[in-house]
């Protein structure tokens, strides 16, 4: 089975995290996440359901990893900011907040470790974002190549 999505009478708006599809005939709006938008875009009548399922599996897996990293990053960042602001409030040092923060982090092993966790989580999140982009580009490239290949005469 090779599904085909309807393309007529639709207004489509791509946003960074989702795709909005408005049906002007039925007056209904649909908000598609990245995976759903990817599957919908490739329901061209040429792509098999099995292929759509394989690609959406990897995109979903990477998205799940991204969400976990974002949560870890947020928690670590909040813990560090709370600890630093508490220590700054207790001390009466002169200087800017940034200088005080840097000094406190450099002196406290727990804060240094938390700062390292934040930096590692940010790096991993960026790497996953690049992986998701690469998967999307790869998917579009392979789909185009297969579409062209299917139109070529066979000998």
N, C-alpha and C. Protein backbone atom coordinates (compact mmCIF):
# COMPACT_ATOMS: atom_id res chain seq x y z
N UNK A 1 0.84 -1.18 0.00
CA UNK A 1 0.00 0.00 0.00
C UNK A 1 0.88 1.24 0.00
N UNK A 2 0.54 2.19 -0.85
CA UNK A 2 1.29 3.44 -0.95
C UNK A 2 0.30 4.60 -0.83
N UNK A 3 0.18 5.16 0.39
CA UNK A 3 -0.83 6.20 0.63
C UNK A 3 -0.53 7.52 -0.09
N UNK A 4 -1.61 8.24 -0.41
CA UNK A 4 -1.49 9.54 -1.06
C UNK A 4 -2.28 10.57 -0.25
N UNK A 5 -1.61 11.62 0.18
CA UNK A 5 -2.26 12.69 0.95
C UNK A 5 -2.95 13.66 0.00
N UNK A 6 -4.05 14.21 0.45
CA UNK A 6 -4.76 15.22 -0.34
C UNK A 6 -3.96 16.51 -0.27
N UNK A 7 -3.83 17.20 -1.39
CA UNK A 7 -3.06 18.45 -1.44
C UNK A 7 -3.92 19.66 -1.82
N UNK A 8 -5.10 19.40 -2.38
CA UNK A 8 -5.97 20.49 -2.84
C UNK A 8 -6.72 21.13 -1.69
N UNK A 9 -7.00 22.43 -1.83
CA UNK A 9 -7.79 23.19 -0.86
C UNK A 9 -7.23 23.17 0.56
N UNK A 10 -5.90 23.18 0.66
CA UNK A 10 -5.22 23.20 1.96
C UNK A 10 -4.28 24.39 2.04
N UNK A 11 -4.26 25.03 3.18
CA UNK A 11 -3.26 26.06 3.46
C UNK A 11 -2.26 25.42 4.41
N UNK A 12 -0.98 25.48 4.05
CA UNK A 12 0.05 24.80 4.83
C UNK A 12 1.07 25.83 5.30
N UNK A 13 1.35 25.82 6.60
CA UNK A 13 2.33 26.74 7.18
C UNK A 13 3.33 25.91 7.99
N UNK A 14 4.59 25.92 7.55
CA UNK A 14 5.65 25.22 8.28
C UNK A 14 6.22 26.13 9.35
N UNK A 15 6.26 25.62 10.57
CA UNK A 15 6.84 26.32 11.71
C UNK A 15 8.03 25.50 12.21
N UNK A 16 8.88 26.08 13.07
CA UNK A 16 10.07 25.34 13.50
C UNK A 16 9.78 23.97 14.14
N UNK A 17 8.75 23.85 14.94
CA UNK A 17 8.49 22.61 15.65
C UNK A 17 7.26 21.86 15.15
N UNK A 18 6.50 22.47 14.24
CA UNK A 18 5.27 21.83 13.78
C UNK A 18 4.85 22.38 12.42
N UNK A 19 3.87 21.73 11.85
CA UNK A 19 3.29 22.18 10.58
C UNK A 19 1.79 22.34 10.77
N UNK A 20 1.28 23.50 10.37
CA UNK A 20 -0.16 23.75 10.47
C UNK A 20 -0.78 23.52 9.10
N UNK A 21 -1.87 22.76 9.09
CA UNK A 21 -2.59 22.47 7.85
C UNK A 21 -4.04 22.88 8.06
N UNK A 22 -4.51 23.81 7.21
CA UNK A 22 -5.90 24.28 7.31
C UNK A 22 -6.66 23.83 6.07
N UNK A 23 -7.74 23.13 6.28
CA UNK A 23 -8.61 22.66 5.21
C UNK A 23 -9.65 23.74 4.96
N UNK A 24 -9.54 24.43 3.81
CA UNK A 24 -10.44 25.56 3.53
C UNK A 24 -11.85 25.11 3.18
N UNK A 25 -12.03 23.86 2.75
CA UNK A 25 -13.35 23.35 2.41
C UNK A 25 -14.11 22.95 3.69
N UNK A 26 -13.46 22.21 4.55
CA UNK A 26 -14.11 21.71 5.77
C UNK A 26 -13.94 22.66 6.96
N UNK A 27 -13.14 23.70 6.79
CA UNK A 27 -12.85 24.68 7.85
C UNK A 27 -12.32 23.99 9.11
N UNK A 28 -11.31 23.16 8.90
CA UNK A 28 -10.67 22.45 10.01
C UNK A 28 -9.17 22.70 9.96
N UNK A 29 -8.59 22.87 11.13
CA UNK A 29 -7.15 23.07 11.23
C UNK A 29 -6.52 21.85 11.90
N UNK A 30 -5.34 21.51 11.45
CA UNK A 30 -4.60 20.39 12.02
C UNK A 30 -3.18 20.87 12.33
N UNK A 31 -2.70 20.49 13.48
CA UNK A 31 -1.35 20.83 13.91
C UNK A 31 -0.54 19.54 13.94
N UNK A 32 0.44 19.42 13.04
CA UNK A 32 1.23 18.19 12.93
C UNK A 32 2.60 18.39 13.58
N UNK A 33 2.99 17.43 14.42
CA UNK A 33 4.35 17.48 14.96
C UNK A 33 5.33 17.09 13.86
N UNK A 34 6.62 17.11 14.17
CA UNK A 34 7.63 16.83 13.13
C UNK A 34 7.42 15.49 12.44
N UNK A 35 7.18 14.46 13.24
CA UNK A 35 7.05 13.12 12.68
C UNK A 35 5.80 13.02 11.81
N UNK A 36 4.68 13.51 12.32
CA UNK A 36 3.44 13.46 11.55
C UNK A 36 3.56 14.27 10.26
N UNK A 37 4.22 15.43 10.33
CA UNK A 37 4.41 16.25 9.13
C UNK A 37 5.28 15.53 8.11
N UNK A 38 6.31 14.87 8.59
CA UNK A 38 7.20 14.13 7.69
C UNK A 38 6.43 13.02 6.99
N UNK A 39 5.66 12.25 7.74
CA UNK A 39 4.87 11.17 7.16
C UNK A 39 3.86 11.73 6.17
N UNK A 40 3.16 12.80 6.55
CA UNK A 40 2.14 13.40 5.68
C UNK A 40 2.75 13.88 4.37
N UNK A 41 3.91 14.54 4.45
CA UNK A 41 4.56 15.06 3.24
C UNK A 41 4.96 13.94 2.28
N UNK A 42 5.24 12.77 2.83
CA UNK A 42 5.70 11.67 1.98
C UNK A 42 4.61 10.68 1.62
N UNK A 43 3.37 11.02 1.90
CA UNK A 43 2.25 10.23 1.41
C UNK A 43 1.96 10.69 -0.01
N UNK A 44 2.85 10.30 -0.91
CA UNK A 44 2.82 10.79 -2.29
C UNK A 44 2.32 9.74 -3.28
N UNK A 45 1.90 8.59 -2.77
CA UNK A 45 1.45 7.52 -3.65
C UNK A 45 2.61 6.67 -4.16
N UNK A 46 3.84 7.04 -3.81
CA UNK A 46 5.02 6.29 -4.26
C UNK A 46 5.76 5.64 -3.10
N UNK A 47 5.57 6.16 -1.91
CA UNK A 47 6.30 5.69 -0.74
C UNK A 47 5.46 4.67 0.02
N UNK A 48 6.05 3.53 0.32
CA UNK A 48 5.32 2.47 1.01
C UNK A 48 5.12 2.80 2.48
N UNK A 49 4.12 2.17 3.06
CA UNK A 49 3.84 2.33 4.49
C UNK A 49 5.02 1.83 5.31
N UNK A 50 5.65 0.75 4.88
CA UNK A 50 6.79 0.19 5.61
C UNK A 50 7.94 1.19 5.68
N UNK A 51 8.20 1.87 4.57
CA UNK A 51 9.27 2.86 4.54
C UNK A 51 8.94 4.05 5.44
N UNK A 52 7.69 4.50 5.39
CA UNK A 52 7.25 5.59 6.26
C UNK A 52 7.41 5.20 7.73
N UNK A 53 7.08 3.98 8.05
CA UNK A 53 7.18 3.51 9.44
C UNK A 53 8.63 3.47 9.90
N UNK A 54 9.53 3.00 9.06
CA UNK A 54 10.95 2.92 9.43
C UNK A 54 11.53 4.30 9.71
N UNK A 55 11.27 5.23 8.83
CA UNK A 55 11.82 6.57 9.00
C UNK A 55 11.20 7.26 10.21
N UNK A 56 9.88 7.13 10.39
CA UNK A 56 9.24 7.78 11.52
C UNK A 56 9.72 7.18 12.84
N UNK A 57 10.08 5.90 12.84
CA UNK A 57 10.62 5.27 14.05
C UNK A 57 11.91 5.98 14.48
N UNK A 58 12.82 6.19 13.53
CA UNK A 58 14.10 6.82 13.88
C UNK A 58 13.91 8.29 14.29
N UNK A 59 13.01 8.98 13.62
CA UNK A 59 12.76 10.38 13.98
C UNK A 59 12.14 10.44 15.38
N UNK A 60 11.20 9.55 15.67
CA UNK A 60 10.57 9.53 16.99
C UNK A 60 11.60 9.19 18.07
N UNK A 61 12.47 8.25 17.78
CA UNK A 61 13.51 7.87 18.75
C UNK A 61 14.42 9.05 19.04
N UNK A 62 14.85 9.75 18.01
CA UNK A 62 15.71 10.93 18.21
C UNK A 62 14.96 12.04 18.94
N UNK A 63 13.69 12.22 18.64
CA UNK A 63 12.89 13.25 19.32
C UNK A 63 12.72 12.93 20.80
N UNK A 64 12.55 11.65 21.11
CA UNK A 64 12.42 11.23 22.51
C UNK A 64 13.72 11.50 23.26
N UNK A 65 14.85 11.18 22.63
CA UNK A 65 16.15 11.48 23.23
C UNK A 65 16.30 12.97 23.47
N UNK A 66 15.85 13.77 22.50
CA UNK A 66 15.94 15.22 22.61
C UNK A 66 15.12 15.72 23.79
N UNK A 67 13.94 15.20 23.98
CA UNK A 67 13.09 15.62 25.09
C UNK A 67 13.73 15.27 26.43
N UNK A 68 14.32 14.08 26.52
CA UNK A 68 15.00 13.68 27.75
C UNK A 68 16.18 14.58 28.07
N UNK A 69 16.95 14.91 27.04
CA UNK A 69 18.08 15.81 27.24
C UNK A 69 17.63 17.20 27.63
N UNK A 70 16.57 17.67 27.02
CA UNK A 70 16.06 19.00 27.36
C UNK A 70 15.62 19.06 28.82
N UNK A 71 14.98 17.99 29.29
CA UNK A 71 14.56 17.95 30.70
C UNK A 71 15.77 17.92 31.62
N UNK A 72 16.75 17.10 31.29
CA UNK A 72 17.96 17.01 32.11
C UNK A 72 18.68 18.36 32.13
N UNK A 73 18.78 18.98 30.99
CA UNK A 73 19.43 20.28 30.88
C UNK A 73 18.71 21.32 31.72
N UNK A 74 17.41 21.35 31.64
CA UNK A 74 16.63 22.32 32.39
C UNK A 74 16.79 22.13 33.90
N UNK A 75 16.73 20.88 34.34
CA UNK A 75 16.89 20.59 35.76
C UNK A 75 18.27 20.98 36.27
N UNK A 76 19.30 20.62 35.51
CA UNK A 76 20.66 20.94 35.93
C UNK A 76 20.88 22.46 35.96
N UNK A 77 20.37 23.13 34.95
CA UNK A 77 20.52 24.59 34.89
C UNK A 77 19.78 25.27 36.05
N UNK A 78 18.57 24.81 36.33
CA UNK A 78 17.80 25.38 37.44
C UNK A 78 18.49 25.14 38.79
N UNK A 79 19.01 23.92 38.98
CA UNK A 79 19.70 23.60 40.24
C UNK A 79 20.93 24.48 40.42
N UNK A 80 21.68 24.65 39.35
CA UNK A 80 22.88 25.47 39.44
C UNK A 80 22.53 26.93 39.71
N UNK A 81 21.54 27.47 39.00
CA UNK A 81 21.15 28.86 39.20
C UNK A 81 20.63 29.09 40.62
N UNK A 82 19.88 28.12 41.13
CA UNK A 82 19.36 28.25 42.50
C UNK A 82 20.50 28.26 43.52
N UNK A 83 21.42 27.31 43.37
CA UNK A 83 22.54 27.23 44.31
C UNK A 83 23.41 28.48 44.26
N UNK A 84 23.69 28.96 43.06
CA UNK A 84 24.53 30.16 42.92
C UNK A 84 23.82 31.39 43.48
N UNK A 85 22.55 31.56 43.18
CA UNK A 85 21.83 32.74 43.69
C UNK A 85 21.73 32.71 45.21
N UNK A 86 21.58 31.51 45.77
CA UNK A 86 21.55 31.38 47.23
C UNK A 86 22.88 31.77 47.85
N UNK A 87 23.97 31.29 47.25
CA UNK A 87 25.30 31.62 47.77
C UNK A 87 25.61 33.11 47.60
N UNK A 88 25.20 33.68 46.49
CA UNK A 88 25.44 35.12 46.27
C UNK A 88 24.68 35.94 47.31
N UNK A 89 23.46 35.51 47.63
CA UNK A 89 22.66 36.24 48.62
C UNK A 89 23.30 36.19 50.01
N UNK A 90 23.98 35.09 50.31
CA UNK A 90 24.61 34.94 51.62
C UNK A 90 25.92 35.74 51.74
N UNK A 91 26.57 35.96 50.63
CA UNK A 91 27.86 36.66 50.65
C UNK A 91 27.67 38.12 50.32
N UNK A 92 28.60 38.92 50.79
CA UNK A 92 28.52 40.36 50.54
C UNK A 92 29.78 40.80 49.78
N UNK A 93 30.06 40.11 48.68
CA UNK A 93 31.23 40.45 47.87
C UNK A 93 30.89 41.58 46.91
N UNK A 94 31.93 42.30 46.53
CA UNK A 94 31.74 43.35 45.52
C UNK A 94 31.98 42.73 44.15
N UNK A 95 31.40 43.32 43.16
CA UNK A 95 31.58 42.86 41.79
C UNK A 95 30.24 42.57 41.14
N UNK A 96 30.32 42.23 39.87
CA UNK A 96 29.09 41.94 39.11
C UNK A 96 28.57 40.55 39.45
N UNK A 97 27.33 40.32 39.11
CA UNK A 97 26.72 39.00 39.34
C UNK A 97 27.49 37.93 38.56
N UNK A 98 27.87 38.25 37.32
CA UNK A 98 28.60 37.28 36.50
C UNK A 98 29.94 36.92 37.13
N UNK A 99 30.64 37.92 37.65
CA UNK A 99 31.92 37.65 38.30
C UNK A 99 31.74 36.82 39.56
N UNK A 100 30.72 37.14 40.34
CA UNK A 100 30.44 36.38 41.56
C UNK A 100 30.08 34.93 41.21
N UNK A 101 29.27 34.77 40.18
CA UNK A 101 28.86 33.43 39.74
C UNK A 101 30.07 32.61 39.32
N UNK A 102 30.92 33.20 38.50
CA UNK A 102 32.11 32.50 38.04
C UNK A 102 33.01 32.10 39.21
N UNK A 103 33.17 33.00 40.16
CA UNK A 103 34.01 32.73 41.32
C UNK A 103 33.42 31.58 42.15
N UNK A 104 32.12 31.62 42.38
CA UNK A 104 31.48 30.56 43.16
C UNK A 104 31.58 29.20 42.47
N UNK A 105 31.36 29.18 41.17
CA UNK A 105 31.42 27.92 40.43
C UNK A 105 32.85 27.37 40.45
N UNK A 106 33.82 28.25 40.32
CA UNK A 106 35.21 27.77 40.30
C UNK A 106 35.66 27.23 41.65
N UNK A 107 35.05 27.67 42.75
CA UNK A 107 35.46 27.23 44.08
C UNK A 107 34.69 26.01 44.59
N UNK A 108 33.49 25.78 44.09
CA UNK A 108 32.63 24.72 44.62
C UNK A 108 32.59 23.54 43.63
N UNK A 109 33.02 22.36 44.11
CA UNK A 109 33.10 21.17 43.26
C UNK A 109 31.73 20.74 42.73
N UNK A 110 30.70 20.80 43.59
CA UNK A 110 29.35 20.41 43.14
C UNK A 110 28.86 21.33 42.03
N UNK A 111 29.10 22.62 42.19
CA UNK A 111 28.66 23.58 41.16
C UNK A 111 29.44 23.37 39.87
N UNK A 112 30.73 23.09 40.00
CA UNK A 112 31.53 22.81 38.79
C UNK A 112 30.98 21.59 38.06
N UNK A 113 30.68 20.53 38.81
CA UNK A 113 30.13 19.32 38.20
C UNK A 113 28.78 19.58 37.55
N UNK A 114 27.95 20.38 38.21
CA UNK A 114 26.65 20.73 37.64
C UNK A 114 26.83 21.54 36.36
N UNK A 115 27.77 22.48 36.39
CA UNK A 115 28.06 23.29 35.20
C UNK A 115 28.52 22.39 34.06
N UNK A 116 29.34 21.41 34.37
CA UNK A 116 29.80 20.46 33.35
C UNK A 116 28.62 19.67 32.79
N UNK A 117 27.70 19.23 33.67
CA UNK A 117 26.50 18.51 33.21
C UNK A 117 25.68 19.38 32.27
N UNK A 118 25.53 20.64 32.61
CA UNK A 118 24.76 21.56 31.77
C UNK A 118 25.43 21.68 30.40
N UNK A 119 26.74 21.86 30.40
CA UNK A 119 27.47 22.02 29.14
C UNK A 119 27.39 20.73 28.30
N UNK A 120 27.51 19.57 28.94
CA UNK A 120 27.41 18.30 28.21
C UNK A 120 26.01 18.10 27.64
N UNK A 121 25.00 18.42 28.42
CA UNK A 121 23.62 18.28 27.94
C UNK A 121 23.35 19.22 26.78
N UNK A 122 23.87 20.45 26.85
CA UNK A 122 23.70 21.39 25.74
C UNK A 122 24.37 20.86 24.47
N UNK A 123 25.57 20.31 24.62
CA UNK A 123 26.29 19.76 23.46
C UNK A 123 25.54 18.56 22.88
N UNK A 124 25.05 17.68 23.74
CA UNK A 124 24.30 16.51 23.26
C UNK A 124 23.00 16.93 22.57
N UNK A 125 22.35 17.95 23.12
CA UNK A 125 21.12 18.45 22.51
C UNK A 125 21.39 19.02 21.12
N UNK A 126 22.47 19.79 21.00
CA UNK A 126 22.83 20.32 19.67
C UNK A 126 23.14 19.19 18.70
N UNK A 127 23.84 18.15 19.18
CA UNK A 127 24.17 17.01 18.32
C UNK A 127 22.90 16.30 17.85
N UNK A 128 21.94 16.13 18.75
CA UNK A 128 20.68 15.49 18.36
C UNK A 128 19.88 16.35 17.40
N UNK A 129 19.91 17.67 17.59
CA UNK A 129 19.23 18.56 16.64
C UNK A 129 19.82 18.40 15.24
N UNK A 130 21.14 18.30 15.17
CA UNK A 130 21.80 18.10 13.88
C UNK A 130 21.45 16.72 13.30
N UNK A 131 21.34 15.72 14.17
CA UNK A 131 20.96 14.38 13.71
C UNK A 131 19.55 14.40 13.13
N UNK A 132 18.62 15.07 13.82
CA UNK A 132 17.25 15.17 13.31
C UNK A 132 17.22 15.89 11.96
N UNK A 133 17.98 16.96 11.85
CA UNK A 133 18.04 17.68 10.57
C UNK A 133 18.63 16.79 9.48
N UNK A 134 19.68 16.03 9.82
CA UNK A 134 20.31 15.14 8.85
C UNK A 134 19.35 14.03 8.42
N UNK A 135 18.59 13.49 9.38
CA UNK A 135 17.60 12.47 9.03
C UNK A 135 16.55 13.03 8.07
N UNK A 136 16.11 14.24 8.34
CA UNK A 136 15.10 14.86 7.48
C UNK A 136 15.66 15.11 6.08
N UNK A 137 16.87 15.65 6.01
CA UNK A 137 17.50 15.90 4.70
C UNK A 137 17.72 14.58 3.96
N UNK A 138 18.22 13.59 4.69
CA UNK A 138 18.46 12.28 4.08
C UNK A 138 17.17 11.68 3.55
N UNK A 139 16.11 11.77 4.34
CA UNK A 139 14.81 11.25 3.92
C UNK A 139 14.33 11.93 2.65
N UNK A 140 14.42 13.27 2.62
CA UNK A 140 13.96 14.00 1.44
C UNK A 140 14.80 13.65 0.21
N UNK A 141 16.12 13.53 0.40
CA UNK A 141 17.02 13.21 -0.71
C UNK A 141 16.72 11.83 -1.28
N UNK A 142 16.60 10.83 -0.40
CA UNK A 142 16.32 9.47 -0.85
C UNK A 142 14.96 9.40 -1.53
N UNK A 143 13.97 10.10 -0.97
CA UNK A 143 12.64 10.08 -1.57
C UNK A 143 12.66 10.68 -2.98
N UNK A 144 13.38 11.79 -3.14
CA UNK A 144 13.48 12.40 -4.47
C UNK A 144 14.20 11.48 -5.45
N UNK A 145 15.29 10.88 -4.98
CA UNK A 145 16.06 9.98 -5.86
C UNK A 145 15.22 8.80 -6.29
N UNK A 146 14.46 8.23 -5.35
CA UNK A 146 13.60 7.10 -5.69
C UNK A 146 12.49 7.52 -6.64
N UNK A 147 11.93 8.72 -6.43
CA UNK A 147 10.87 9.19 -7.33
C UNK A 147 11.38 9.34 -8.75
N UNK A 148 12.57 9.90 -8.90
CA UNK A 148 13.17 10.06 -10.22
C UNK A 148 13.46 8.71 -10.82
N UNK A 149 14.00 7.81 -10.01
CA UNK A 149 14.37 6.48 -10.47
C UNK A 149 13.15 5.70 -10.96
N UNK A 150 12.02 5.88 -10.25
CA UNK A 150 10.80 5.16 -10.63
C UNK A 150 10.23 5.65 -11.95
N UNK A 151 10.54 6.89 -12.32
CA UNK A 151 10.03 7.44 -13.58
C UNK A 151 10.90 7.08 -14.77
N UNK A 152 12.14 6.61 -14.51
CA UNK A 152 13.04 6.25 -15.60
C UNK A 152 12.57 4.95 -16.23
N UNK A 153 12.74 4.86 -17.56
CA UNK A 153 12.35 3.59 -18.22
C UNK A 153 13.33 2.47 -17.85
N UNK A 154 12.82 1.29 -17.69
CA UNK A 154 13.68 0.14 -17.39
C UNK A 154 14.02 -0.58 -18.68
N UNK A 155 15.19 -1.16 -18.70
CA UNK A 155 15.63 -1.86 -19.93
C UNK A 155 15.58 -3.34 -19.74
